[in-house]
């Protein structure tokens, strides 16, 4: 392998098998052909306070905004005067191809997702399409995934510290993944004692999936295992319930596409409505020091 020192901290690696990238910490992007730009942007949970600086920066730079209509509405005040293309749900392939087409014509495009586009988001589909089109870094359109705050981050921040040990993430949506495969993944998480984050727990069409999932967990965990249900985290419609695995289905009115469920593991406990998942410090340390044991 051959390498060239470009600047003090910039190295370009060259070989037949390498993808050639020059990373610039100044603008936080991979520099390549800039005739057209496609930003796949995570706008976070919904409130601008939780959107990254980079997300706002590329949205401002973009001439065109493409996205699911609900996600576009989250940034309405940031996209005045731009070309905006809003899509209904389930038209992911259409919006991905349109965003790529615009970039290939030399336009600057932001394809927006809520949360993080790399977690059940649009960037995977973008790269699948580009791979089929034989796109490459050297002379293809510029593509950048702009990460955002995902639901697992925003929801856990609201309910304590539920993700302090190993955790699994699973979606109940079986539109693209067979339910039989999802069941295997749920059972693996339950057997492995993973704290489990559940995306898309229910919809008008999906009714039995969350019940089946809860029944699987009840085979391996106590009925009183803490469970959090968070609907619309950091939005005006936000609702939070911390309950138990046994009572999860009692809150069916909160379950939907903007709801996330977090199921605790065998060490998770509920303290004054907070889900706490111990990291393990108590096994090695006296975590409450003498001077702080009594707080008046």
C-alpha atoms as a PDB file:
ATOM      1  CA  UNK A   1       0.000   0.000   0.000  1.00  0.00           C
ATOM      2  CA  UNK A   2       1.251   3.503  -0.879  1.00  0.00           C
ATOM      3  CA  UNK A   3       0.336   6.577   1.119  1.00  0.00           C
ATOM      4  CA  UNK A   4       0.944  10.274   0.650  1.00  0.00           C
ATOM      5  CA  UNK A   5       1.093  12.856   3.432  1.00  0.00           C
ATOM      6  CA  UNK A   6      -1.218  15.660   2.306  1.00  0.00           C
ATOM      7  CA  UNK A   7      -1.117  17.793   5.416  1.00  0.00           C
ATOM      8  CA  UNK A   8       0.033  17.174   8.949  1.00  0.00           C
ATOM      9  CA  UNK A   9      -3.032  15.106   9.791  1.00  0.00           C
ATOM     10  CA  UNK A  10      -4.333  14.158   6.353  1.00  0.00           C
ATOM     11  CA  UNK A  11      -3.274  10.911   4.688  1.00  0.00           C
ATOM     12  CA  UNK A  12      -4.547   9.624   1.375  1.00  0.00           C
ATOM     13  CA  UNK A  13      -4.179   5.846   1.029  1.00  0.00           C
ATOM     14  CA  UNK A  14      -3.769   4.454  -2.466  1.00  0.00           C
ATOM     15  CA  UNK A  15      -4.075   0.871  -3.584  1.00  0.00           C
ATOM     16  CA  UNK A  16      -6.112  -1.070  -6.102  1.00  0.00           C
ATOM     17  CA  UNK A  17      -8.572  -2.124  -3.433  1.00  0.00           C
ATOM     18  CA  UNK A  18      -8.855   1.128  -1.498  1.00  0.00           C
ATOM     19  CA  UNK A  19     -11.679   3.608  -1.796  1.00  0.00           C
ATOM     20  CA  UNK A  20      -9.893   6.946  -2.004  1.00  0.00           C
ATOM     21  CA  UNK A  21     -11.246   9.452   0.489  1.00  0.00           C
ATOM     22  CA  UNK A  22      -9.848  12.723   1.743  1.00  0.00           C
ATOM     23  CA  UNK A  23     -11.397  13.620   5.055  1.00  0.00           C
ATOM     24  CA  UNK A  24     -11.552  17.282   5.931  1.00  0.00           C
ATOM     25  CA  UNK A  25     -12.343  18.008   9.605  1.00  0.00           C
ATOM     26  CA  UNK A  26     -12.958  21.624   8.682  1.00  0.00           C
ATOM     27  CA  UNK A  27     -16.162  20.932   6.764  1.00  0.00           C
ATOM     28  CA  UNK A  28     -16.724  17.396   8.073  1.00  0.00           C
ATOM     29  CA  UNK A  29     -17.300  15.809   4.655  1.00  0.00           C
ATOM     30  CA  UNK A  30     -15.506  13.488   2.296  1.00  0.00           C
ATOM     31  CA  UNK A  31     -14.247  15.614  -0.586  1.00  0.00           C
ATOM     32  CA  UNK A  32     -14.971  14.222  -4.024  1.00  0.00           C
ATOM     33  CA  UNK A  33     -16.703  15.243  -7.247  1.00  0.00           C
ATOM     34  CA  UNK A  34     -18.866  18.203  -6.265  1.00  0.00           C
ATOM     35  CA  UNK A  35     -20.961  18.649  -9.424  1.00  0.00           C
ATOM     36  CA  UNK A  36     -24.012  17.383  -7.554  1.00  0.00           C
ATOM     37  CA  UNK A  37     -24.555  16.886  -3.826  1.00  0.00           C
ATOM     38  CA  UNK A  38     -26.924  14.616  -1.955  1.00  0.00           C
ATOM     39  CA  UNK A  39     -27.228  14.999   1.804  1.00  0.00           C
ATOM     40  CA  UNK A  40     -29.181  12.313   3.640  1.00  0.00           C
ATOM     41  CA  UNK A  41     -30.092  14.236   6.755  1.00  0.00           C
ATOM     42  CA  UNK A  42     -31.272  13.136  10.176  1.00  0.00           C
ATOM     43  CA  UNK A  43     -33.258  15.967  11.763  1.00  0.00           C
ATOM     44  CA  UNK A  44     -33.542  14.285  15.171  1.00  0.00           C
ATOM     45  CA  UNK A  45     -36.699  13.736  17.205  1.00  0.00           C
ATOM     46  CA  UNK A  46     -38.458  16.854  15.973  1.00  0.00           C
ATOM     47  CA  UNK A  47     -37.490  19.867  18.060  1.00  0.00           C
ATOM     48  CA  UNK A  48     -34.799  22.113  16.552  1.00  0.00           C
ATOM     49  CA  UNK A  49     -32.928  22.111  19.871  1.00  0.00           C
ATOM     50  CA  UNK A  50     -31.980  18.496  19.162  1.00  0.00           C
ATOM     51  CA  UNK A  51     -30.953  18.960  15.536  1.00  0.00           C
ATOM     52  CA  UNK A  52     -27.217  18.956  14.876  1.00  0.00           C
ATOM     53  CA  UNK A  53     -25.400  22.012  13.589  1.00  0.00           C
ATOM     54  CA  UNK A  54     -24.350  20.048  10.494  1.00  0.00           C
ATOM     55  CA  UNK A  55     -27.978  19.125   9.720  1.00  0.00           C
ATOM     56  CA  UNK A  56     -29.039  22.772   9.784  1.00  0.00           C
ATOM     57  CA  UNK A  57     -25.985  23.704   7.731  1.00  0.00           C
ATOM     58  CA  UNK A  58     -26.692  21.307   4.854  1.00  0.00           C
ATOM     59  CA  UNK A  59     -30.422  22.066   4.844  1.00  0.00           C
ATOM     60  CA  UNK A  60     -29.566  25.754   4.462  1.00  0.00           C
ATOM     61  CA  UNK A  61     -27.093  24.927   1.672  1.00  0.00           C
ATOM     62  CA  UNK A  62     -29.576  22.755  -0.238  1.00  0.00           C
ATOM     63  CA  UNK A  63     -31.661  23.995  -3.142  1.00  0.00           C
ATOM     64  CA  UNK A  64     -34.063  21.039  -2.962  1.00  0.00           C
ATOM     65  CA  UNK A  65     -35.681  19.246  -0.021  1.00  0.00           C
ATOM     66  CA  UNK A  66     -37.153  15.759  -0.465  1.00  0.00           C
ATOM     67  CA  UNK A  67     -38.855  13.707   2.216  1.00  0.00           C
ATOM     68  CA  UNK A  68     -41.830  12.039   3.824  1.00  0.00           C
ATOM     69  CA  UNK A  69     -44.399  14.783   4.408  1.00  0.00           C
ATOM     70  CA  UNK A  70     -44.436  14.387   8.195  1.00  0.00           C
ATOM     71  CA  UNK A  71     -40.638  14.728   8.397  1.00  0.00           C
ATOM     72  CA  UNK A  72     -40.606  17.727   6.082  1.00  0.00           C
ATOM     73  CA  UNK A  73     -43.164  19.444   8.316  1.00  0.00           C
ATOM     74  CA  UNK A  74     -40.681  19.250  11.218  1.00  0.00           C
ATOM     75  CA  UNK A  75     -38.356  21.680   9.427  1.00  0.00           C
ATOM     76  CA  UNK A  76     -40.931  23.881   7.716  1.00  0.00           C
ATOM     77  CA  UNK A  77     -39.392  27.107   9.028  1.00  0.00           C
ATOM     78  CA  UNK A  78     -35.930  26.141   7.713  1.00  0.00           C
ATOM     79  CA  UNK A  79     -36.929  25.494   4.099  1.00  0.00           C
ATOM     80  CA  UNK A  80     -38.725  28.649   3.035  1.00  0.00           C
ATOM     81  CA  UNK A  81     -37.967  29.542  -0.593  1.00  0.00           C
ATOM     82  CA  UNK A  82     -36.623  26.081  -1.525  1.00  0.00           C
ATOM     83  CA  UNK A  83     -38.018  23.486  -3.902  1.00  0.00           C
ATOM     84  CA  UNK A  84     -39.787  20.984  -1.653  1.00  0.00           C
ATOM     85  CA  UNK A  85     -41.026  17.532  -2.659  1.00  0.00           C
ATOM     86  CA  UNK A  86     -43.268  15.852  -0.081  1.00  0.00           C
ATOM     87  CA  UNK A  87     -44.168  12.181  -0.238  1.00  0.00           C
ATOM     88  CA  UNK A  88     -46.723  10.039   1.585  1.00  0.00           C
ATOM     89  CA  UNK A  89     -45.647   7.004   3.588  1.00  0.00           C
ATOM     90  CA  UNK A  90     -44.368   3.877   1.781  1.00  0.00           C
ATOM     91  CA  UNK A  91     -42.947   5.792  -1.214  1.00  0.00           C
ATOM     92  CA  UNK A  92     -39.342   5.516  -0.067  1.00  0.00           C
ATOM     93  CA  UNK A  93     -38.064   4.176  -3.400  1.00  0.00           C
ATOM     94  CA  UNK A  94     -39.634   7.063  -5.319  1.00  0.00           C
ATOM     95  CA  UNK A  95     -38.198   9.773  -3.073  1.00  0.00           C
ATOM     96  CA  UNK A  96     -34.759   8.149  -2.969  1.00  0.00           C
ATOM     97  CA  UNK A  97     -34.590   7.957  -6.763  1.00  0.00           C
ATOM     98  CA  UNK A  98     -35.828  11.519  -7.156  1.00  0.00           C
ATOM     99  CA  UNK A  99     -33.193  12.825  -4.744  1.00  0.00           C
ATOM    100  CA  UNK A 100     -30.452  10.946  -6.623  1.00  0.00           C
ATOM    101  CA  UNK A 101     -31.753  12.182  -9.991  1.00  0.00           C
ATOM    102  CA  UNK A 102     -31.630  15.802  -8.844  1.00  0.00           C
ATOM    103  CA  UNK A 103     -28.068  15.381  -7.540  1.00  0.00           C
ATOM    104  CA  UNK A 104     -27.003  13.730 -10.803  1.00  0.00           C
ATOM    105  CA  UNK A 105     -28.248  16.831 -12.611  1.00  0.00           C
ATOM    106  CA  UNK A 106     -25.898  18.962 -10.529  1.00  0.00           C
ATOM    107  CA  UNK A 107     -28.366  20.134  -7.874  1.00  0.00           C
ATOM    108  CA  UNK A 108     -27.796  20.305  -4.107  1.00  0.00           C
ATOM    109  CA  UNK A 109     -30.376  18.101  -2.387  1.00  0.00           C
ATOM    110  CA  UNK A 110     -31.293  17.185   1.185  1.00  0.00           C
ATOM    111  CA  UNK A 111     -33.267  13.978   1.664  1.00  0.00           C
ATOM    112  CA  UNK A 112     -34.601  14.326   5.198  1.00  0.00           C
ATOM    113  CA  UNK A 113     -35.436  11.677   7.780  1.00  0.00           C
ATOM    114  CA  UNK A 114     -36.486  11.991  11.374  1.00  0.00           C
ATOM    115  CA  UNK A 115     -34.060  10.599  13.921  1.00  0.00           C
ATOM    116  CA  UNK A 116     -30.933   9.205  12.283  1.00  0.00           C
ATOM    117  CA  UNK A 117     -30.987   8.252   8.585  1.00  0.00           C
ATOM    118  CA  UNK A 118     -28.659   5.344   9.293  1.00  0.00           C
ATOM    119  CA  UNK A 119     -31.050   3.664  11.763  1.00  0.00           C
ATOM    120  CA  UNK A 120     -34.128   2.366   9.920  1.00  0.00           C
ATOM    121  CA  UNK A 121     -33.663   5.432   7.711  1.00  0.00           C
ATOM    122  CA  UNK A 122     -33.161   6.363   4.082  1.00  0.00           C
ATOM    123  CA  UNK A 123     -29.402   6.154   3.685  1.00  0.00           C
ATOM    124  CA  UNK A 124     -29.416   2.377   3.271  1.00  0.00           C
ATOM    125  CA  UNK A 125     -31.801   2.583   0.318  1.00  0.00           C
ATOM    126  CA  UNK A 126     -29.738   5.402  -1.198  1.00  0.00           C
ATOM    127  CA  UNK A 127     -26.573   3.290  -1.133  1.00  0.00           C
ATOM    128  CA  UNK A 128     -28.401   0.227  -2.469  1.00  0.00           C
ATOM    129  CA  UNK A 129     -29.635   2.231  -5.462  1.00  0.00           C
ATOM    130  CA  UNK A 130     -26.226   3.811  -6.034  1.00  0.00           C
ATOM    131  CA  UNK A 131     -24.546   0.392  -5.880  1.00  0.00           C
ATOM    132  CA  UNK A 132     -26.927  -0.910  -8.558  1.00  0.00           C
ATOM    133  CA  UNK A 133     -26.137   2.171 -10.662  1.00  0.00           C
ATOM    134  CA  UNK A 134     -22.367   1.473 -10.329  1.00  0.00           C
ATOM    135  CA  UNK A 135     -21.755   4.817  -8.587  1.00  0.00           C
ATOM    136  CA  UNK A 136     -18.270   5.491  -7.234  1.00  0.00           C
ATOM    137  CA  UNK A 137     -16.625   8.065  -4.986  1.00  0.00           C
ATOM    138  CA  UNK A 138     -14.155   9.352  -7.523  1.00  0.00           C
ATOM    139  CA  UNK A 139     -16.455  10.726 -10.215  1.00  0.00           C
ATOM    140  CA  UNK A 140     -19.968  10.208  -8.921  1.00  0.00           C
ATOM    141  CA  UNK A 141     -22.232  12.579  -7.046  1.00  0.00           C
ATOM    142  CA  UNK A 142     -21.189  13.694  -3.582  1.00  0.00           C
ATOM    143  CA  UNK A 143     -23.113  11.763  -0.915  1.00  0.00           C
ATOM    144  CA  UNK A 144     -23.033  12.538   2.791  1.00  0.00           C
ATOM    145  CA  UNK A 145     -25.003  10.928   5.589  1.00  0.00           C
ATOM    146  CA  UNK A 146     -25.651  13.551   8.273  1.00  0.00           C
ATOM    147  CA  UNK A 147     -26.341  11.678  11.516  1.00  0.00           C
ATOM    148  CA  UNK A 148     -29.096  12.709  13.885  1.00  0.00           C
ATOM    149  CA  UNK A 149     -30.452  11.899  17.327  1.00  0.00           C
ATOM    150  CA  UNK A 150     -32.327   8.618  16.976  1.00  0.00           C
ATOM    151  CA  UNK A 151     -35.385   7.585  18.924  1.00  0.00           C
ATOM    152  CA  UNK A 152     -33.364   5.255  21.122  1.00  0.00           C
ATOM    153  CA  UNK A 153     -31.275   8.277  22.240  1.00  0.00           C
ATOM    154  CA  UNK A 154     -34.093  10.754  22.696  1.00  0.00           C
ATOM    155  CA  UNK A 155     -36.420   8.348  24.475  1.00  0.00           C
ATOM    156  CA  UNK A 156     -33.772   6.985  26.826  1.00  0.00           C
ATOM    157  CA  UNK A 157     -32.827  10.554  27.787  1.00  0.00           C
ATOM    158  CA  UNK A 158     -36.409  11.159  28.934  1.00  0.00           C
ATOM    159  CA  UNK A 159     -36.815   8.104  31.131  1.00  0.00           C
ATOM    160  CA  UNK A 160     -33.562   7.812  33.081  1.00  0.00           C
ATOM    161  CA  UNK A 161     -30.664   5.568  32.120  1.00  0.00           C
ATOM    162  CA  UNK A 162     -32.116   2.449  30.475  1.00  0.00           C
ATOM    163  CA  UNK A 163     -29.265   1.726  28.019  1.00  0.00           C
ATOM    164  CA  UNK A 164     -26.254   1.462  30.294  1.00  0.00           C
ATOM    165  CA  UNK A 165     -25.457  -2.126  29.370  1.00  0.00           C
ATOM    166  CA  UNK A 166     -25.711  -4.083  26.117  1.00  0.00           C
ATOM    167  CA  UNK A 167     -28.956  -3.509  24.275  1.00  0.00           C
ATOM    168  CA  UNK A 168     -30.738  -4.652  21.129  1.00  0.00           C
ATOM    169  CA  UNK A 169     -32.926  -2.696  18.731  1.00  0.00           C
ATOM    170  CA  UNK A 170     -35.758  -4.323  16.807  1.00  0.00           C
ATOM    171  CA  UNK A 171     -38.568  -2.993  14.634  1.00  0.00           C
ATOM    172  CA  UNK A 172     -42.021  -4.533  14.639  1.00  0.00           C
ATOM    173  CA  UNK A 173     -42.594  -3.481  11.030  1.00  0.00           C
ATOM    174  CA  UNK A 174     -42.889  -6.548   8.819  1.00  0.00           C
ATOM    175  CA  UNK A 175     -43.397  -4.665   5.545  1.00  0.00           C
ATOM    176  CA  UNK A 176     -39.858  -5.503   4.414  1.00  0.00           C
ATOM    177  CA  UNK A 177     -38.750  -8.155   6.923  1.00  0.00           C
ATOM    178  CA  UNK A 178     -40.751 -11.381   7.358  1.00  0.00           C
ATOM    179  CA  UNK A 179     -42.393 -11.677  10.755  1.00  0.00           C
ATOM    180  CA  UNK A 180     -40.743 -15.086  11.284  1.00  0.00           C
ATOM    181  CA  UNK A 181     -37.314 -13.416  11.132  1.00  0.00           C
ATOM    182  CA  UNK A 182     -38.383 -10.677  13.557  1.00  0.00           C
ATOM    183  CA  UNK A 183     -39.589 -13.320  16.012  1.00  0.00           C
ATOM    184  CA  UNK A 184     -36.165 -14.994  15.928  1.00  0.00           C
ATOM    185  CA  UNK A 185     -34.467 -11.682  16.661  1.00  0.00           C
ATOM    186  CA  UNK A 186     -36.852 -10.868  19.511  1.00  0.00           C
ATOM    187  CA  UNK A 187     -36.274 -14.283  21.071  1.00  0.00           C
ATOM    188  CA  UNK A 188     -32.495 -13.882  20.764  1.00  0.00           C
ATOM    189  CA  UNK A 189     -32.703 -10.529  22.559  1.00  0.00           C
ATOM    190  CA  UNK A 190     -34.928 -11.984  25.274  1.00  0.00           C
ATOM    191  CA  UNK A 191     -32.684 -15.012  25.837  1.00  0.00           C
ATOM    192  CA  UNK A 192     -29.565 -12.831  25.871  1.00  0.00           C
ATOM    193  CA  UNK A 193     -30.999 -10.543  28.584  1.00  0.00           C
ATOM    194  CA  UNK A 194     -30.550  -7.494  26.374  1.00  0.00           C
ATOM    195  CA  UNK A 195     -32.372  -4.303  27.188  1.00  0.00           C
ATOM    196  CA  UNK A 196     -34.499  -4.071  24.047  1.00  0.00           C
ATOM    197  CA  UNK A 197     -35.619  -0.968  22.162  1.00  0.00           C
ATOM    198  CA  UNK A 198     -38.705  -1.551  20.027  1.00  0.00           C
ATOM    199  CA  UNK A 199     -39.362   0.734  17.062  1.00  0.00           C
ATOM    200  CA  UNK A 200     -42.729   0.886  15.239  1.00  0.00           C
ATOM    201  CA  UNK A 201     -44.514  -1.139  17.928  1.00  0.00           C
ATOM    202  CA  UNK A 202     -47.968  -0.983  16.313  1.00  0.00           C
ATOM    203  CA  UNK A 203     -50.070   0.456  13.520  1.00  0.00           C
ATOM    204  CA  UNK A 204     -53.645   0.132  12.293  1.00  0.00           C
ATOM    205  CA  UNK A 205     -52.623  -2.969  10.348  1.00  0.00           C
ATOM    206  CA  UNK A 206     -50.122  -4.388  12.837  1.00  0.00           C
ATOM    207  CA  UNK A 207     -51.965  -5.505  15.951  1.00  0.00           C
ATOM    208  CA  UNK A 208     -50.601  -8.877  17.100  1.00  0.00           C
ATOM    209  CA  UNK A 209     -46.864  -8.178  16.769  1.00  0.00           C
ATOM    210  CA  UNK A 210     -46.301  -6.368  20.047  1.00  0.00           C
ATOM    211  CA  UNK A 211     -48.459  -8.865  21.960  1.00  0.00           C
ATOM    212  CA  UNK A 212     -46.429 -11.733  20.498  1.00  0.00           C
ATOM    213  CA  UNK A 213     -43.228  -9.909  21.423  1.00  0.00           C
ATOM    214  CA  UNK A 214     -44.357  -9.312  24.985  1.00  0.00           C
ATOM    215  CA  UNK A 215     -45.303 -12.991  25.322  1.00  0.00           C
ATOM    216  CA  UNK A 216     -41.806 -14.006  24.194  1.00  0.00           C
ATOM    217  CA  UNK A 217     -40.194 -11.709  26.761  1.00  0.00           C
ATOM    218  CA  UNK A 218     -42.464 -13.031  29.516  1.00  0.00           C
ATOM    219  CA  UNK A 219     -40.977 -16.486  28.953  1.00  0.00           C
ATOM    220  CA  UNK A 220     -37.559 -15.156  29.989  1.00  0.00           C
ATOM    221  CA  UNK A 221     -38.244 -12.130  32.201  1.00  0.00           C
ATOM    222  CA  UNK A 222     -40.310 -11.349  35.249  1.00  0.00           C
ATOM    223  CA  UNK A 223     -43.744  -9.748  34.731  1.00  0.00           C
ATOM    224  CA  UNK A 224     -42.613  -6.752  36.819  1.00  0.00           C
ATOM    225  CA  UNK A 225     -39.681  -5.975  34.492  1.00  0.00           C
ATOM    226  CA  UNK A 226     -39.743  -2.193  33.881  1.00  0.00           C
ATOM    227  CA  UNK A 227     -40.939  -1.031  30.468  1.00  0.00           C
ATOM    228  CA  UNK A 228     -41.068   2.513  29.119  1.00  0.00           C
ATOM    229  CA  UNK A 229     -43.474   3.730  26.439  1.00  0.00           C
ATOM    230  CA  UNK A 230     -42.519   7.055  24.876  1.00  0.00           C
ATOM    231  CA  UNK A 231     -44.742   8.676  22.262  1.00  0.00           C
ATOM    232  CA  UNK A 232     -43.525  11.687  20.274  1.00  0.00           C
ATOM    233  CA  UNK A 233     -40.318  12.322  22.201  1.00  0.00           C
ATOM    234  CA  UNK A 234     -39.485  16.035  22.377  1.00  0.00           C
ATOM    235  CA  UNK A 235     -42.546  16.978  20.339  1.00  0.00           C
ATOM    236  CA  UNK A 236     -45.628  18.836  21.520  1.00  0.00           C
ATOM    237  CA  UNK A 237     -47.519  15.529  21.601  1.00  0.00           C
ATOM    238  CA  UNK A 238     -44.988  13.863  23.918  1.00  0.00           C
ATOM    239  CA  UNK A 239     -46.386  11.274  26.339  1.00  0.00           C
ATOM    240  CA  UNK A 240     -44.396   8.994  28.647  1.00  0.00           C
ATOM    241  CA  UNK A 241     -45.407   5.986  30.717  1.00  0.00           C
ATOM    242  CA  UNK A 242     -43.114   3.776  32.750  1.00  0.00           C
ATOM    243  CA  UNK A 243     -44.934   0.541  33.461  1.00  0.00           C
ATOM    244  CA  UNK A 244     -44.158  -3.182  33.558  1.00  0.00           C
ATOM    245  CA  UNK A 245     -43.848  -5.915  30.982  1.00  0.00           C
ATOM    246  CA  UNK A 246     -47.056  -7.484  32.258  1.00  0.00           C
ATOM    247  CA  UNK A 247     -49.034  -4.239  31.810  1.00  0.00           C
ATOM    248  CA  UNK A 248     -47.487  -3.127  28.504  1.00  0.00           C
ATOM    249  CA  UNK A 249     -50.626  -3.763  26.452  1.00  0.00           C
ATOM    250  CA  UNK A 250     -52.773  -1.700  28.843  1.00  0.00           C
ATOM    251  CA  UNK A 251     -51.505   1.408  27.034  1.00  0.00           C
ATOM    252  CA  UNK A 252     -52.587   0.517  23.509  1.00  0.00           C
ATOM    253  CA  UNK A 253     -53.757   4.115  22.928  1.00  0.00           C
ATOM    254  CA  UNK A 254     -50.105   5.242  23.060  1.00  0.00           C
ATOM    255  CA  UNK A 255     -48.752   2.656  20.652  1.00  0.00           C
ATOM    256  CA  UNK A 256     -48.085   3.745  17.100  1.00  0.00           C
ATOM    257  CA  UNK A 257     -45.478   4.744  14.529  1.00  0.00           C
ATOM    258  CA  UNK A 258     -44.055   7.633  16.589  1.00  0.00           C
ATOM    259  CA  UNK A 259     -43.857   5.530  19.751  1.00  0.00           C
ATOM    260  CA  UNK A 260     -40.808   3.714  21.069  1.00  0.00           C
ATOM    261  CA  UNK A 261     -40.924   0.968  23.699  1.00  0.00           C
ATOM    262  CA  UNK A 262     -37.928   0.120  25.880  1.00  0.00           C
ATOM    263  CA  UNK A 263     -37.967  -3.211  27.711  1.00  0.00           C
ATOM    264  CA  UNK A 264     -35.584  -3.500  30.648  1.00  0.00           C
ATOM    265  CA  UNK A 265     -33.367  -6.478  31.397  1.00  0.00           C
ATOM    266  CA  UNK A 266     -33.027  -8.532  34.581  1.00  0.00           C
ATOM    267  CA  UNK A 267     -31.098  -5.781  36.396  1.00  0.00           C
ATOM    268  CA  UNK A 268     -33.238  -2.789  35.347  1.00  0.00           C
ATOM    269  CA  UNK A 269     -35.246  -1.155  38.124  1.00  0.00           C
ATOM    270  CA  UNK A 270     -37.817   1.611  38.430  1.00  0.00           C
ATOM    271  CA  UNK A 271     -36.879   4.465  40.744  1.00  0.00           C
ATOM    272  CA  UNK A 272     -39.529   7.191  41.072  1.00  0.00           C
ATOM    273  CA  UNK A 273     -40.622   6.683  37.477  1.00  0.00           C
ATOM    274  CA  UNK A 274     -37.109   6.437  36.058  1.00  0.00           C
ATOM    275  CA  UNK A 275     -35.777   3.298  34.407  1.00  0.00           C
ATOM    276  CA  UNK A 276     -32.269   2.656  35.746  1.00  0.00           C
ATOM    277  CA  UNK A 277     -30.057   0.006  34.178  1.00  0.00           C
ATOM    278  CA  UNK A 278     -27.004  -0.426  36.437  1.00  0.00           C
ATOM    279  CA  UNK A 279     -23.670  -0.387  34.651  1.00  0.00           C
ATOM    280  CA  UNK A 280     -22.093  -2.658  37.257  1.00  0.00           C
ATOM    281  CA  UNK A 281     -20.153  -0.202  39.400  1.00  0.00           C
ATOM    282  CA  UNK A 282     -21.622  -1.559  42.647  1.00  0.00           C
ATOM    283  CA  UNK A 283     -19.827  -4.857  42.098  1.00  0.00           C
ATOM    284  CA  UNK A 284     -16.466  -3.072  42.268  1.00  0.00           C
ATOM    285  CA  UNK A 285     -16.963   0.183  44.163  1.00  0.00           C
ATOM    286  CA  UNK A 286     -18.751   1.815  47.056  1.00  0.00           C
ATOM    287  CA  UNK A 287     -20.660   4.180  44.761  1.00  0.00           C
ATOM    288  CA  UNK A 288     -21.987   6.485  47.509  1.00  0.00           C
ATOM    289  CA  UNK A 289     -19.066   8.214  49.210  1.00  0.00           C
ATOM    290  CA  UNK A 290     -19.270   9.128  52.896  1.00  0.00           C
ATOM    291  CA  UNK A 291     -19.621  12.856  52.335  1.00  0.00           C
ATOM    292  CA  UNK A 292     -22.665  12.399  50.069  1.00  0.00           C
ATOM    293  CA  UNK A 293     -24.550   9.595  51.814  1.00  0.00           C
ATOM    294  CA  UNK A 294     -26.848  12.041  53.601  1.00  0.00           C
ATOM    295  CA  UNK A 295     -28.263  14.849  51.509  1.00  0.00           C
ATOM    296  CA  UNK A 296     -30.331  17.399  53.407  1.00  0.00           C
END
